[in-house]
Amino acid sequence: MKKITTLLVILFLASSFSFREIITEKNIKNFSLKSTDNKVISLEKYKNAKGFIIVFTCNKCPMAKLYSERLNKLYDKYKSKEVYLMAINAMDTVAYKEENFKLMQKKVAKEKLLFPYLQDKSQIVAKQFGATHTPQSFVIWKNNTGKWIIKYEGSIDDSALEPTRANNYLETAVDELLQNKTVSNPNTKSVGCRIFYRGEVAKMD
């Protein structure tokens, strides 16, 4: 019986959570998505931006919920430095009704999110980044030719439950880029609820 229970736990983790080997230096094209305040947000509208922090998140995922306050702090810290944070929900709203736009708006109000929360209903932007789960963070930076390049991909930090003890991988990457340094740790593994792309058979628990 104990062996069966252990096997079930392993299967649950394998189906609900995702790990990924990461590749940086990928070019990201401009995109436009609707935010919860009904505005259309695009990269090109931020004329002075040096870079962006892009976080794929959602309404339901327990892991993603732990990071709302930390994302607010990151947004506040970097907006004056011309690095802008935005969150994107790319969950399939056909399969998961709790990821619909109205509930995204309620999440913003309840958690007092300061940053844009965008809906990638078609999942095109998530596919462009190669996003696989929530929360998953990316830092994109403008190169000398004006293209947006992924400079960091992975976890926000390494301690979802104890933020005061965390190694802040995302924050360190942005600080290094602002100092014109190479990101010392551009790839980290993050864990969270899988993003299931429309047409996939498996479902998130």
N, C-alpha and C. Protein backbone atom coordinates (compact mmCIF):
# COMPACT_ATOMS: atom_id res chain seq x y z
N MET A 1 0.83 -1.21 0.00
CA MET A 1 0.00 0.00 0.00
C MET A 1 0.86 1.26 0.00
N LYS A 2 1.94 1.23 0.81
CA LYS A 2 2.85 2.37 0.89
C LYS A 2 3.51 2.65 -0.46
N LYS A 3 3.88 1.56 -1.16
CA LYS A 3 4.50 1.72 -2.47
C LYS A 3 3.53 2.33 -3.47
N ILE A 4 2.28 1.93 -3.40
CA ILE A 4 1.25 2.47 -4.31
C ILE A 4 1.05 3.96 -4.05
N THR A 5 0.99 4.34 -2.78
CA THR A 5 0.81 5.76 -2.43
C THR A 5 1.98 6.60 -2.94
N THR A 6 3.20 6.09 -2.76
CA THR A 6 4.38 6.79 -3.24
C THR A 6 4.34 6.96 -4.75
N LEU A 7 3.93 5.92 -5.45
CA LEU A 7 3.84 5.97 -6.91
C LEU A 7 2.83 7.00 -7.36
N LEU A 8 1.69 7.07 -6.67
CA LEU A 8 0.66 8.05 -7.02
C LEU A 8 1.16 9.48 -6.84
N VAL A 9 1.91 9.70 -5.77
CA VAL A 9 2.48 11.04 -5.54
C VAL A 9 3.43 11.41 -6.66
N ILE A 10 4.29 10.47 -7.05
CA ILE A 10 5.24 10.73 -8.13
C ILE A 10 4.52 11.05 -9.44
N LEU A 11 3.47 10.30 -9.73
CA LEU A 11 2.71 10.54 -10.95
C LEU A 11 2.03 11.89 -10.94
N PHE A 12 1.52 12.31 -9.76
CA PHE A 12 0.88 13.62 -9.63
C PHE A 12 1.88 14.73 -9.91
N LEU A 13 3.07 14.61 -9.32
CA LEU A 13 4.09 15.63 -9.52
C LEU A 13 4.53 15.69 -10.97
N ALA A 14 4.62 14.55 -11.59
CA ALA A 14 5.05 14.51 -12.99
C ALA A 14 4.03 15.15 -13.91
N SER A 15 2.73 15.01 -13.58
CA SER A 15 1.69 15.55 -14.45
C SER A 15 1.38 17.00 -14.16
N SER A 16 1.53 17.44 -12.91
CA SER A 16 1.12 18.79 -12.52
C SER A 16 2.24 19.79 -12.51
N PHE A 17 3.47 19.32 -12.42
CA PHE A 17 4.59 20.23 -12.32
C PHE A 17 5.59 19.93 -13.43
N SER A 18 6.35 20.99 -13.78
CA SER A 18 7.22 20.86 -14.94
C SER A 18 8.60 21.41 -14.66
N PHE A 19 9.61 20.69 -15.12
CA PHE A 19 10.99 21.17 -15.08
C PHE A 19 11.44 21.30 -16.54
N ARG A 20 12.42 22.19 -16.80
CA ARG A 20 12.82 22.37 -18.17
C ARG A 20 14.28 22.80 -18.26
N GLU A 21 14.99 22.23 -19.21
CA GLU A 21 16.31 22.75 -19.53
C GLU A 21 16.09 24.02 -20.35
N ILE A 22 16.91 25.03 -20.11
CA ILE A 22 16.61 26.37 -20.59
C ILE A 22 17.65 26.85 -21.59
N ILE A 23 17.21 27.59 -22.58
CA ILE A 23 18.11 28.17 -23.57
C ILE A 23 17.87 29.67 -23.61
N THR A 24 18.91 30.46 -23.32
CA THR A 24 18.79 31.91 -23.39
C THR A 24 19.29 32.41 -24.74
N GLU A 25 19.31 33.74 -24.89
CA GLU A 25 19.75 34.42 -26.11
C GLU A 25 18.78 34.23 -27.28
N LYS A 26 17.57 33.86 -27.01
CA LYS A 26 16.55 33.74 -28.05
C LYS A 26 15.94 35.10 -28.31
N ASN A 27 15.66 35.41 -29.57
CA ASN A 27 15.04 36.67 -29.95
C ASN A 27 13.54 36.61 -29.73
N ILE A 28 12.98 37.63 -29.05
CA ILE A 28 11.54 37.70 -28.81
C ILE A 28 10.95 38.85 -29.62
N LYS A 29 9.97 38.54 -30.42
CA LYS A 29 9.31 39.55 -31.25
C LYS A 29 8.27 40.32 -30.43
N ASN A 30 7.97 41.52 -30.87
CA ASN A 30 6.95 42.33 -30.20
C ASN A 30 5.62 41.58 -30.15
N PHE A 31 4.90 41.77 -29.06
CA PHE A 31 3.57 41.18 -28.94
C PHE A 31 2.63 42.19 -28.31
N SER A 32 1.34 41.98 -28.52
CA SER A 32 0.30 42.84 -27.94
C SER A 32 -0.74 41.96 -27.27
N LEU A 33 -1.02 42.23 -25.99
CA LEU A 33 -1.99 41.45 -25.24
C LEU A 33 -2.88 42.38 -24.41
N LYS A 34 -4.09 41.93 -24.14
CA LYS A 34 -5.03 42.70 -23.33
C LYS A 34 -4.75 42.52 -21.85
N SER A 35 -4.71 43.63 -21.13
CA SER A 35 -4.49 43.59 -19.68
C SER A 35 -5.82 43.65 -18.95
N THR A 36 -5.79 43.39 -17.66
CA THR A 36 -7.03 43.34 -16.88
C THR A 36 -7.73 44.69 -16.76
N ASP A 37 -7.04 45.78 -17.10
CA ASP A 37 -7.70 47.10 -17.12
C ASP A 37 -8.21 47.44 -18.52
N ASN A 38 -8.28 46.39 -19.37
CA ASN A 38 -8.82 46.49 -20.73
C ASN A 38 -7.96 47.34 -21.67
N LYS A 39 -6.71 47.52 -21.34
CA LYS A 39 -5.78 48.19 -22.24
C LYS A 39 -4.97 47.13 -22.98
N VAL A 40 -4.53 47.50 -24.18
CA VAL A 40 -3.67 46.61 -24.95
C VAL A 40 -2.22 47.01 -24.68
N ILE A 41 -1.45 46.05 -24.18
CA ILE A 41 -0.06 46.29 -23.81
C ILE A 41 0.85 45.60 -24.83
N SER A 42 1.87 46.33 -25.27
CA SER A 42 2.86 45.75 -26.17
C SER A 42 4.25 46.22 -25.77
N LEU A 43 5.26 45.49 -26.18
CA LEU A 43 6.63 45.88 -25.87
C LEU A 43 6.98 47.21 -26.49
N GLU A 44 6.54 47.43 -27.71
CA GLU A 44 6.94 48.62 -28.44
C GLU A 44 6.35 49.92 -27.88
N LYS A 45 5.35 49.81 -27.01
CA LYS A 45 4.78 51.01 -26.40
C LYS A 45 5.69 51.58 -25.30
N TYR A 46 6.62 50.76 -24.82
CA TYR A 46 7.57 51.22 -23.80
C TYR A 46 8.82 51.73 -24.52
N LYS A 47 8.76 52.96 -24.99
CA LYS A 47 9.81 53.50 -25.85
C LYS A 47 11.16 53.60 -25.14
N ASN A 48 11.14 53.83 -23.83
CA ASN A 48 12.40 54.02 -23.10
C ASN A 48 12.91 52.75 -22.43
N ALA A 49 12.25 51.63 -22.65
CA ALA A 49 12.58 50.41 -21.90
C ALA A 49 13.97 49.87 -22.24
N LYS A 50 14.71 49.55 -21.19
CA LYS A 50 15.97 48.84 -21.36
C LYS A 50 15.73 47.34 -21.39
N GLY A 51 14.72 46.92 -20.63
CA GLY A 51 14.42 45.50 -20.56
C GLY A 51 13.06 45.26 -19.94
N PHE A 52 12.66 44.01 -19.93
CA PHE A 52 11.39 43.59 -19.36
C PHE A 52 11.58 42.34 -18.51
N ILE A 53 10.83 42.29 -17.43
CA ILE A 53 10.68 41.06 -16.65
C ILE A 53 9.32 40.49 -17.03
N ILE A 54 9.31 39.32 -17.63
CA ILE A 54 8.08 38.67 -18.06
C ILE A 54 7.87 37.43 -17.18
N VAL A 55 6.73 37.39 -16.49
CA VAL A 55 6.45 36.26 -15.62
C VAL A 55 5.16 35.58 -16.07
N PHE A 56 5.26 34.32 -16.43
CA PHE A 56 4.07 33.55 -16.76
C PHE A 56 3.48 33.02 -15.46
N THR A 57 2.22 33.36 -15.23
CA THR A 57 1.55 33.00 -13.99
C THR A 57 0.09 32.68 -14.31
N CYS A 58 -0.72 32.45 -13.28
CA CYS A 58 -2.13 32.17 -13.51
C CYS A 58 -2.92 32.42 -12.23
N ASN A 59 -4.21 32.18 -12.27
CA ASN A 59 -5.07 32.42 -11.11
C ASN A 59 -5.00 31.31 -10.08
N LYS A 60 -4.92 30.06 -10.55
CA LYS A 60 -5.15 28.91 -9.68
C LYS A 60 -3.89 28.34 -9.01
N CYS A 61 -2.79 28.32 -9.69
CA CYS A 61 -1.60 27.58 -9.24
C CYS A 61 -1.16 28.01 -7.84
N PRO A 62 -1.08 27.08 -6.89
CA PRO A 62 -0.66 27.42 -5.52
C PRO A 62 0.73 28.04 -5.46
N MET A 63 1.64 27.54 -6.29
CA MET A 63 3.00 28.08 -6.30
C MET A 63 3.00 29.53 -6.79
N ALA A 64 2.25 29.80 -7.83
CA ALA A 64 2.20 31.15 -8.39
C ALA A 64 1.62 32.15 -7.39
N LYS A 65 0.66 31.72 -6.60
CA LYS A 65 0.02 32.60 -5.63
C LYS A 65 1.00 33.11 -4.57
N LEU A 66 2.05 32.36 -4.33
CA LEU A 66 3.01 32.73 -3.29
C LEU A 66 3.88 33.92 -3.69
N TYR A 67 3.84 34.29 -4.98
CA TYR A 67 4.79 35.29 -5.48
C TYR A 67 4.18 36.66 -5.76
N SER A 68 2.93 36.87 -5.49
CA SER A 68 2.29 38.14 -5.84
C SER A 68 2.97 39.34 -5.16
N GLU A 69 3.19 39.24 -3.87
CA GLU A 69 3.81 40.36 -3.14
C GLU A 69 5.24 40.61 -3.62
N ARG A 70 5.97 39.54 -3.90
CA ARG A 70 7.34 39.69 -4.37
C ARG A 70 7.39 40.34 -5.75
N LEU A 71 6.44 40.01 -6.58
CA LEU A 71 6.39 40.62 -7.92
C LEU A 71 6.05 42.11 -7.82
N ASN A 72 5.18 42.47 -6.90
CA ASN A 72 4.90 43.89 -6.68
C ASN A 72 6.17 44.65 -6.30
N LYS A 73 6.97 44.06 -5.44
CA LYS A 73 8.22 44.70 -5.00
C LYS A 73 9.21 44.83 -6.16
N LEU A 74 9.28 43.81 -6.99
CA LEU A 74 10.16 43.87 -8.15
C LEU A 74 9.70 44.94 -9.14
N TYR A 75 8.39 45.02 -9.34
CA TYR A 75 7.84 46.04 -10.22
C TYR A 75 8.21 47.44 -9.72
N ASP A 76 8.03 47.67 -8.43
CA ASP A 76 8.35 48.96 -7.83
C ASP A 76 9.84 49.29 -7.93
N LYS A 77 10.67 48.28 -7.73
CA LYS A 77 12.11 48.51 -7.73
C LYS A 77 12.64 48.91 -9.09
N TYR A 78 12.12 48.29 -10.15
CA TYR A 78 12.76 48.44 -11.45
C TYR A 78 12.07 49.39 -12.43
N LYS A 79 10.85 49.79 -12.16
CA LYS A 79 10.16 50.65 -13.13
C LYS A 79 10.88 51.99 -13.31
N SER A 80 11.47 52.53 -12.24
CA SER A 80 12.20 53.79 -12.34
C SER A 80 13.54 53.62 -13.06
N LYS A 81 13.97 52.36 -13.22
CA LYS A 81 15.22 52.06 -13.91
C LYS A 81 14.96 51.62 -15.35
N GLU A 82 13.73 51.83 -15.80
CA GLU A 82 13.32 51.54 -17.18
C GLU A 82 13.35 50.05 -17.51
N VAL A 83 13.06 49.26 -16.49
CA VAL A 83 12.86 47.82 -16.66
C VAL A 83 11.47 47.52 -16.12
N TYR A 84 10.62 47.00 -16.96
CA TYR A 84 9.20 46.90 -16.63
C TYR A 84 8.76 45.44 -16.48
N LEU A 85 7.99 45.20 -15.44
CA LEU A 85 7.49 43.86 -15.16
C LEU A 85 6.05 43.72 -15.64
N MET A 86 5.79 42.61 -16.29
CA MET A 86 4.41 42.27 -16.65
C MET A 86 4.21 40.78 -16.48
N ALA A 87 3.01 40.40 -16.08
CA ALA A 87 2.66 38.99 -15.90
C ALA A 87 1.72 38.56 -17.01
N ILE A 88 1.84 37.33 -17.43
CA ILE A 88 1.03 36.80 -18.52
C ILE A 88 0.36 35.50 -18.10
N ASN A 89 -0.94 35.41 -18.33
CA ASN A 89 -1.70 34.19 -18.09
C ASN A 89 -1.97 33.53 -19.44
N ALA A 90 -1.35 32.38 -19.65
CA ALA A 90 -1.51 31.67 -20.92
C ALA A 90 -2.26 30.35 -20.75
N MET A 91 -2.91 30.18 -19.61
CA MET A 91 -3.66 28.94 -19.39
C MET A 91 -4.85 28.83 -20.35
N ASP A 92 -5.18 27.61 -20.69
CA ASP A 92 -6.29 27.34 -21.61
C ASP A 92 -7.61 27.57 -20.88
N THR A 93 -8.32 28.64 -21.23
CA THR A 93 -9.57 28.97 -20.56
C THR A 93 -10.71 28.03 -20.93
N VAL A 94 -10.54 27.28 -22.01
CA VAL A 94 -11.56 26.29 -22.36
C VAL A 94 -11.52 25.13 -21.37
N ALA A 95 -10.31 24.71 -21.02
CA ALA A 95 -10.15 23.60 -20.08
C ALA A 95 -10.29 24.05 -18.64
N TYR A 96 -9.88 25.29 -18.35
CA TYR A 96 -9.85 25.79 -16.98
C TYR A 96 -10.62 27.09 -16.87
N LYS A 97 -11.88 26.99 -16.49
CA LYS A 97 -12.75 28.16 -16.40
C LYS A 97 -12.24 29.17 -15.38
N GLU A 98 -11.51 28.69 -14.36
CA GLU A 98 -11.01 29.58 -13.31
C GLU A 98 -9.89 30.48 -13.80
N GLU A 99 -9.46 30.31 -15.05
CA GLU A 99 -8.43 31.17 -15.62
C GLU A 99 -9.02 32.23 -16.55
N ASN A 100 -10.33 32.42 -16.50
CA ASN A 100 -10.94 33.39 -17.42
C ASN A 100 -10.61 34.83 -17.05
N PHE A 101 -10.92 35.74 -17.95
CA PHE A 101 -10.51 37.13 -17.83
C PHE A 101 -11.13 37.82 -16.61
N LYS A 102 -12.39 37.55 -16.32
CA LYS A 102 -13.04 38.18 -15.16
C LYS A 102 -12.37 37.77 -13.86
N LEU A 103 -11.97 36.51 -13.76
CA LEU A 103 -11.29 36.06 -12.55
C LEU A 103 -9.86 36.58 -12.48
N MET A 104 -9.26 36.86 -13.63
CA MET A 104 -7.97 37.56 -13.63
C MET A 104 -8.13 38.95 -13.02
N GLN A 105 -9.21 39.63 -13.41
CA GLN A 105 -9.48 40.97 -12.86
C GLN A 105 -9.70 40.92 -11.35
N LYS A 106 -10.41 39.89 -10.90
CA LYS A 106 -10.64 39.74 -9.46
C LYS A 106 -9.32 39.47 -8.72
N LYS A 107 -8.44 38.71 -9.33
CA LYS A 107 -7.14 38.43 -8.72
C LYS A 107 -6.35 39.73 -8.54
N VAL A 108 -6.36 40.57 -9.54
CA VAL A 108 -5.64 41.85 -9.47
C VAL A 108 -6.17 42.70 -8.32
N ALA A 109 -7.50 42.76 -8.20
CA ALA A 109 -8.12 43.56 -7.14
C ALA A 109 -7.85 42.97 -5.75
N LYS A 110 -7.99 41.67 -5.63
CA LYS A 110 -7.83 41.01 -4.34
C LYS A 110 -6.39 41.08 -3.84
N GLU A 111 -5.44 40.84 -4.74
CA GLU A 111 -4.03 40.78 -4.36
C GLU A 111 -3.32 42.12 -4.55
N LYS A 112 -4.06 43.12 -5.03
CA LYS A 112 -3.54 44.48 -5.21
C LYS A 112 -2.28 44.48 -6.08
N LEU A 113 -2.39 43.81 -7.21
CA LEU A 113 -1.25 43.73 -8.12
C LEU A 113 -1.01 45.09 -8.78
N LEU A 114 0.22 45.51 -8.82
CA LEU A 114 0.58 46.82 -9.36
C LEU A 114 0.96 46.78 -10.83
N PHE A 115 1.35 45.63 -11.29
CA PHE A 115 1.89 45.46 -12.64
C PHE A 115 0.81 44.98 -13.60
N PRO A 116 1.00 45.14 -14.90
CA PRO A 116 0.03 44.64 -15.87
C PRO A 116 -0.09 43.12 -15.82
N TYR A 117 -1.32 42.65 -15.83
CA TYR A 117 -1.61 41.21 -15.86
C TYR A 117 -2.34 40.96 -17.17
N LEU A 118 -1.68 40.26 -18.08
CA LEU A 118 -2.13 40.13 -19.46
C LEU A 118 -2.67 38.73 -19.75
N GLN A 119 -3.63 38.67 -20.64
CA GLN A 119 -4.17 37.37 -21.04
C GLN A 119 -3.65 36.98 -22.42
N ASP A 120 -2.99 35.85 -22.47
CA ASP A 120 -2.51 35.27 -23.73
C ASP A 120 -3.47 34.15 -24.13
N LYS A 121 -4.66 34.56 -24.52
CA LYS A 121 -5.74 33.60 -24.76
C LYS A 121 -5.41 32.63 -25.89
N SER A 122 -4.70 33.11 -26.89
CA SER A 122 -4.33 32.26 -28.03
C SER A 122 -3.10 31.41 -27.73
N GLN A 123 -2.40 31.72 -26.64
CA GLN A 123 -1.18 31.03 -26.20
C GLN A 123 0.00 31.24 -27.16
N ILE A 124 -0.11 32.19 -28.05
CA ILE A 124 0.96 32.44 -29.02
C ILE A 124 2.21 33.00 -28.35
N VAL A 125 2.02 33.92 -27.41
CA VAL A 125 3.18 34.52 -26.74
C VAL A 125 3.90 33.49 -25.88
N ALA A 126 3.15 32.66 -25.17
CA ALA A 126 3.76 31.62 -24.35
C ALA A 126 4.58 30.67 -25.21
N LYS A 127 4.09 30.35 -26.38
CA LYS A 127 4.82 29.46 -27.28
C LYS A 127 6.09 30.14 -27.80
N GLN A 128 6.01 31.45 -28.03
CA GLN A 128 7.19 32.17 -28.50
C GLN A 128 8.32 32.12 -27.45
N PHE A 129 7.95 32.29 -26.19
CA PHE A 129 8.93 32.22 -25.11
C PHE A 129 9.34 30.78 -24.80
N GLY A 130 8.46 29.85 -25.11
CA GLY A 130 8.70 28.47 -24.71
C GLY A 130 8.31 28.22 -23.27
N ALA A 131 7.32 28.98 -22.77
CA ALA A 131 6.88 28.84 -21.38
C ALA A 131 6.23 27.48 -21.18
N THR A 132 6.51 26.88 -20.04
CA THR A 132 6.00 25.54 -19.78
C THR A 132 5.19 25.44 -18.49
N HIS A 133 5.33 26.42 -17.59
CA HIS A 133 4.65 26.30 -16.31
C HIS A 133 4.55 27.66 -15.62
N THR A 134 3.86 27.68 -14.48
CA THR A 134 3.72 28.89 -13.69
C THR A 134 4.14 28.63 -12.25
N PRO A 135 4.88 29.59 -11.62
CA PRO A 135 5.41 30.80 -12.25
C PRO A 135 6.74 30.51 -12.95
N GLN A 136 6.95 31.12 -14.07
CA GLN A 136 8.20 31.00 -14.82
C GLN A 136 8.58 32.39 -15.29
N SER A 137 9.81 32.79 -15.01
CA SER A 137 10.22 34.16 -15.29
C SER A 137 11.26 34.23 -16.41
N PHE A 138 11.20 35.34 -17.13
CA PHE A 138 12.14 35.64 -18.20
C PHE A 138 12.59 37.09 -18.06
N VAL A 139 13.82 37.35 -18.38
CA VAL A 139 14.30 38.73 -18.53
C VAL A 139 14.71 38.89 -19.98
N ILE A 140 14.11 39.86 -20.66
CA ILE A 140 14.51 40.16 -22.03
C ILE A 140 15.14 41.54 -22.05
N TRP A 141 16.19 41.69 -22.86
CA TRP A 141 16.98 42.92 -22.88
C TRP A 141 17.20 43.34 -24.32
N LYS A 142 17.19 44.65 -24.53
CA LYS A 142 17.36 45.18 -25.89
C LYS A 142 18.85 45.16 -26.27
N ASN A 143 19.14 44.57 -27.43
CA ASN A 143 20.53 44.55 -27.89
C ASN A 143 20.84 45.77 -28.76
N ASN A 144 22.02 45.81 -29.34
CA ASN A 144 22.45 46.98 -30.10
C ASN A 144 21.65 47.21 -31.38
N THR A 145 20.96 46.18 -31.84
CA THR A 145 20.16 46.33 -33.06
C THR A 145 18.68 46.56 -32.75
N GLY A 146 18.36 46.69 -31.45
CA GLY A 146 16.98 46.96 -31.06
C GLY A 146 16.12 45.73 -30.88
N LYS A 147 16.73 44.54 -30.93
CA LYS A 147 15.96 43.31 -30.75
C LYS A 147 15.92 42.95 -29.26
N TRP A 148 14.83 42.27 -28.88
CA TRP A 148 14.67 41.82 -27.50
C TRP A 148 15.18 40.40 -27.38
N ILE A 149 16.16 40.21 -26.49
CA ILE A 149 16.85 38.93 -26.35
C ILE A 149 16.65 38.39 -24.94
N ILE A 150 16.32 37.10 -24.83
CA ILE A 150 16.22 36.48 -23.51
C ILE A 150 17.61 36.38 -22.88
N LYS A 151 17.75 37.01 -21.71
CA LYS A 151 19.02 36.98 -20.98
C LYS A 151 18.93 36.13 -19.72
N TYR A 152 17.74 35.89 -19.27
CA TYR A 152 17.54 35.03 -18.10
C TYR A 152 16.23 34.29 -18.25
N GLU A 153 16.24 33.02 -17.84
CA GLU A 153 15.01 32.23 -17.81
C GLU A 153 15.08 31.26 -16.65
N GLY A 154 14.00 31.17 -15.89
CA GLY A 154 13.95 30.20 -14.81
C GLY A 154 13.11 30.66 -13.64
N SER A 155 13.56 30.36 -12.45
CA SER A 155 12.79 30.66 -11.25
C SER A 155 12.98 32.11 -10.82
N ILE A 156 12.01 32.63 -10.08
CA ILE A 156 12.12 33.95 -9.49
C ILE A 156 13.15 33.92 -8.38
N ASP A 157 13.05 32.91 -7.55
CA ASP A 157 14.03 32.64 -6.49
C ASP A 157 13.93 31.17 -6.13
N ASP A 158 14.65 30.77 -5.09
CA ASP A 158 14.68 29.34 -4.76
C ASP A 158 13.95 29.00 -3.46
N SER A 159 13.06 29.91 -2.99
CA SER A 159 12.36 29.64 -1.74
C SER A 159 10.97 30.25 -1.77
N ALA A 160 10.03 29.50 -2.32
CA ALA A 160 8.66 30.01 -2.43
C ALA A 160 8.03 30.28 -1.07
N LEU A 161 8.33 29.44 -0.09
CA LEU A 161 7.68 29.54 1.21
C LEU A 161 8.39 30.49 2.18
N GLU A 162 9.69 30.70 1.97
CA GLU A 162 10.46 31.55 2.88
C GLU A 162 11.25 32.60 2.09
N PRO A 163 10.59 33.66 1.66
CA PRO A 163 11.25 34.66 0.81
C PRO A 163 12.46 35.32 1.43
N THR A 164 12.50 35.45 2.74
CA THR A 164 13.64 36.11 3.39
C THR A 164 14.91 35.27 3.31
N ARG A 165 14.76 33.98 3.01
CA ARG A 165 15.91 33.08 2.91
C ARG A 165 16.26 32.74 1.46
N ALA A 166 15.62 33.40 0.52
CA ALA A 166 15.73 33.02 -0.88
C ALA A 166 16.99 33.58 -1.55
N ASN A 167 17.49 32.83 -2.51
CA ASN A 167 18.47 33.34 -3.47
C ASN A 167 17.68 33.95 -4.62
N ASN A 168 17.80 35.25 -4.80
CA ASN A 168 16.94 35.98 -5.74
C ASN A 168 17.55 35.99 -7.15
N TYR A 169 17.39 34.87 -7.85
CA TYR A 169 18.01 34.70 -9.15
C TYR A 169 17.56 35.77 -10.16
N LEU A 170 16.28 36.00 -10.23
CA LEU A 170 15.74 36.96 -11.19
C LEU A 170 16.26 38.36 -10.91
N GLU A 171 16.20 38.78 -9.67
CA GLU A 171 16.65 40.11 -9.27
C GLU A 171 18.15 40.30 -9.55
N THR A 172 18.93 39.29 -9.25
CA THR A 172 20.37 39.36 -9.52
C THR A 172 20.65 39.53 -11.00
N ALA A 173 19.91 38.81 -11.84
CA ALA A 173 20.09 38.90 -13.29
C ALA A 173 19.82 40.32 -13.79
N VAL A 174 18.74 40.92 -13.31
CA VAL A 174 18.40 42.28 -13.75
C VAL A 174 19.46 43.27 -13.27
N ASP A 175 19.90 43.14 -12.04
CA ASP A 175 20.92 44.04 -11.50
C ASP A 175 22.21 43.95 -12.31
N GLU A 176 22.60 42.75 -12.70
CA GLU A 176 23.81 42.58 -13.50
C GLU A 176 23.66 43.22 -14.87
N LEU A 177 22.52 43.07 -15.49
CA LEU A 177 22.29 43.67 -16.79
C LEU A 177 22.30 45.20 -16.72
N LEU A 178 21.75 45.75 -15.65
CA LEU A 178 21.77 47.20 -15.47
C LEU A 178 23.19 47.73 -15.29
N GLN A 179 24.08 46.88 -14.83
CA GLN A 179 25.49 47.26 -14.66
C GLN A 179 26.33 46.88 -15.88
N ASN A 180 25.63 46.52 -16.97
CA ASN A 180 26.29 46.12 -18.22
C ASN A 180 27.20 44.90 -18.05
N LYS A 181 26.80 44.03 -17.15
CA LYS A 181 27.53 42.80 -16.92
C LYS A 181 26.83 41.63 -17.60
N THR A 182 27.57 40.57 -17.83
CA THR A 182 26.97 39.33 -18.30
C THR A 182 26.25 38.67 -17.13
N VAL A 183 25.08 38.13 -17.38
CA VAL A 183 24.33 37.46 -16.32
C VAL A 183 25.11 36.23 -15.87
N SER A 184 25.44 36.20 -14.59
CA SER A 184 26.29 35.13 -14.07
C SER A 184 25.59 33.79 -13.98
N ASN A 185 24.27 33.82 -13.83
CA ASN A 185 23.50 32.58 -13.71
C ASN A 185 22.24 32.71 -14.58
N PRO A 186 22.40 32.59 -15.90
CA PRO A 186 21.29 32.89 -16.81
C PRO A 186 20.20 31.84 -16.87
N ASN A 187 20.51 30.64 -16.41
CA ASN A 187 19.56 29.53 -16.50
C ASN A 187 19.37 28.87 -15.15
N THR A 188 18.15 28.87 -14.65
CA THR A 188 17.85 28.12 -13.44
C THR A 188 16.60 27.28 -13.69
N LYS A 189 16.46 26.24 -12.92
CA LYS A 189 15.27 25.40 -13.02
C LYS A 189 14.19 25.93 -12.09
N SER A 190 13.01 26.08 -12.61
CA SER A 190 11.88 26.49 -11.78
C SER A 190 10.82 25.41 -11.81
N VAL A 191 9.92 25.46 -10.84
CA VAL A 191 8.90 24.44 -10.72
C VAL A 191 7.56 25.10 -10.48
N GLY A 192 6.51 24.49 -10.98
CA GLY A 192 5.17 25.04 -10.81
C GLY A 192 4.16 24.25 -11.61
N CYS A 193 2.98 24.77 -11.75
CA CYS A 193 1.91 24.08 -12.48
C CYS A 193 2.12 24.19 -13.98
N ARG A 194 1.92 23.11 -14.66
CA ARG A 194 2.16 23.08 -16.11
C ARG A 194 1.19 23.95 -16.88
N ILE A 195 1.70 24.55 -17.94
CA ILE A 195 0.84 25.22 -18.92
C ILE A 195 0.50 24.17 -19.97
N PHE A 196 -0.76 23.79 -20.03
CA PHE A 196 -1.20 22.84 -21.04
C PHE A 196 -1.70 23.61 -22.25
N TYR A 197 -1.11 23.31 -23.39
CA TYR A 197 -1.51 24.01 -24.61
C TYR A 197 -2.76 23.37 -25.19
N ARG A 198 -3.59 24.22 -25.75
CA ARG A 198 -4.88 23.78 -26.26
C ARG A 198 -4.71 22.60 -27.21
N GLY A 199 -5.51 21.58 -26.99
CA GLY A 199 -5.42 20.38 -27.82
C GLY A 199 -4.71 19.24 -27.12
N GLU A 200 -3.99 19.55 -26.03
CA GLU A 200 -3.36 18.48 -25.26
C GLU A 200 -4.39 17.72 -24.47
N VAL A 201 -4.19 16.43 -24.33
CA VAL A 201 -5.18 15.58 -23.67
C VAL A 201 -5.11 15.73 -22.16
N ALA A 202 -3.89 15.80 -21.62
CA ALA A 202 -3.72 15.84 -20.15
C ALA A 202 -4.30 17.12 -19.58
N LYS A 203 -4.73 17.09 -18.35
CA LYS A 203 -5.33 18.24 -17.67
C LYS A 203 -4.62 18.49 -16.34
N MET A 204 -4.60 19.74 -15.93
CA MET A 204 -4.04 20.10 -14.64
C MET A 204 -5.03 19.73 -13.54
N ASP A 205 -4.56 19.13 -12.47
CA ASP A 205 -5.43 18.74 -11.36
C ASP A 205 -5.98 19.98 -10.66
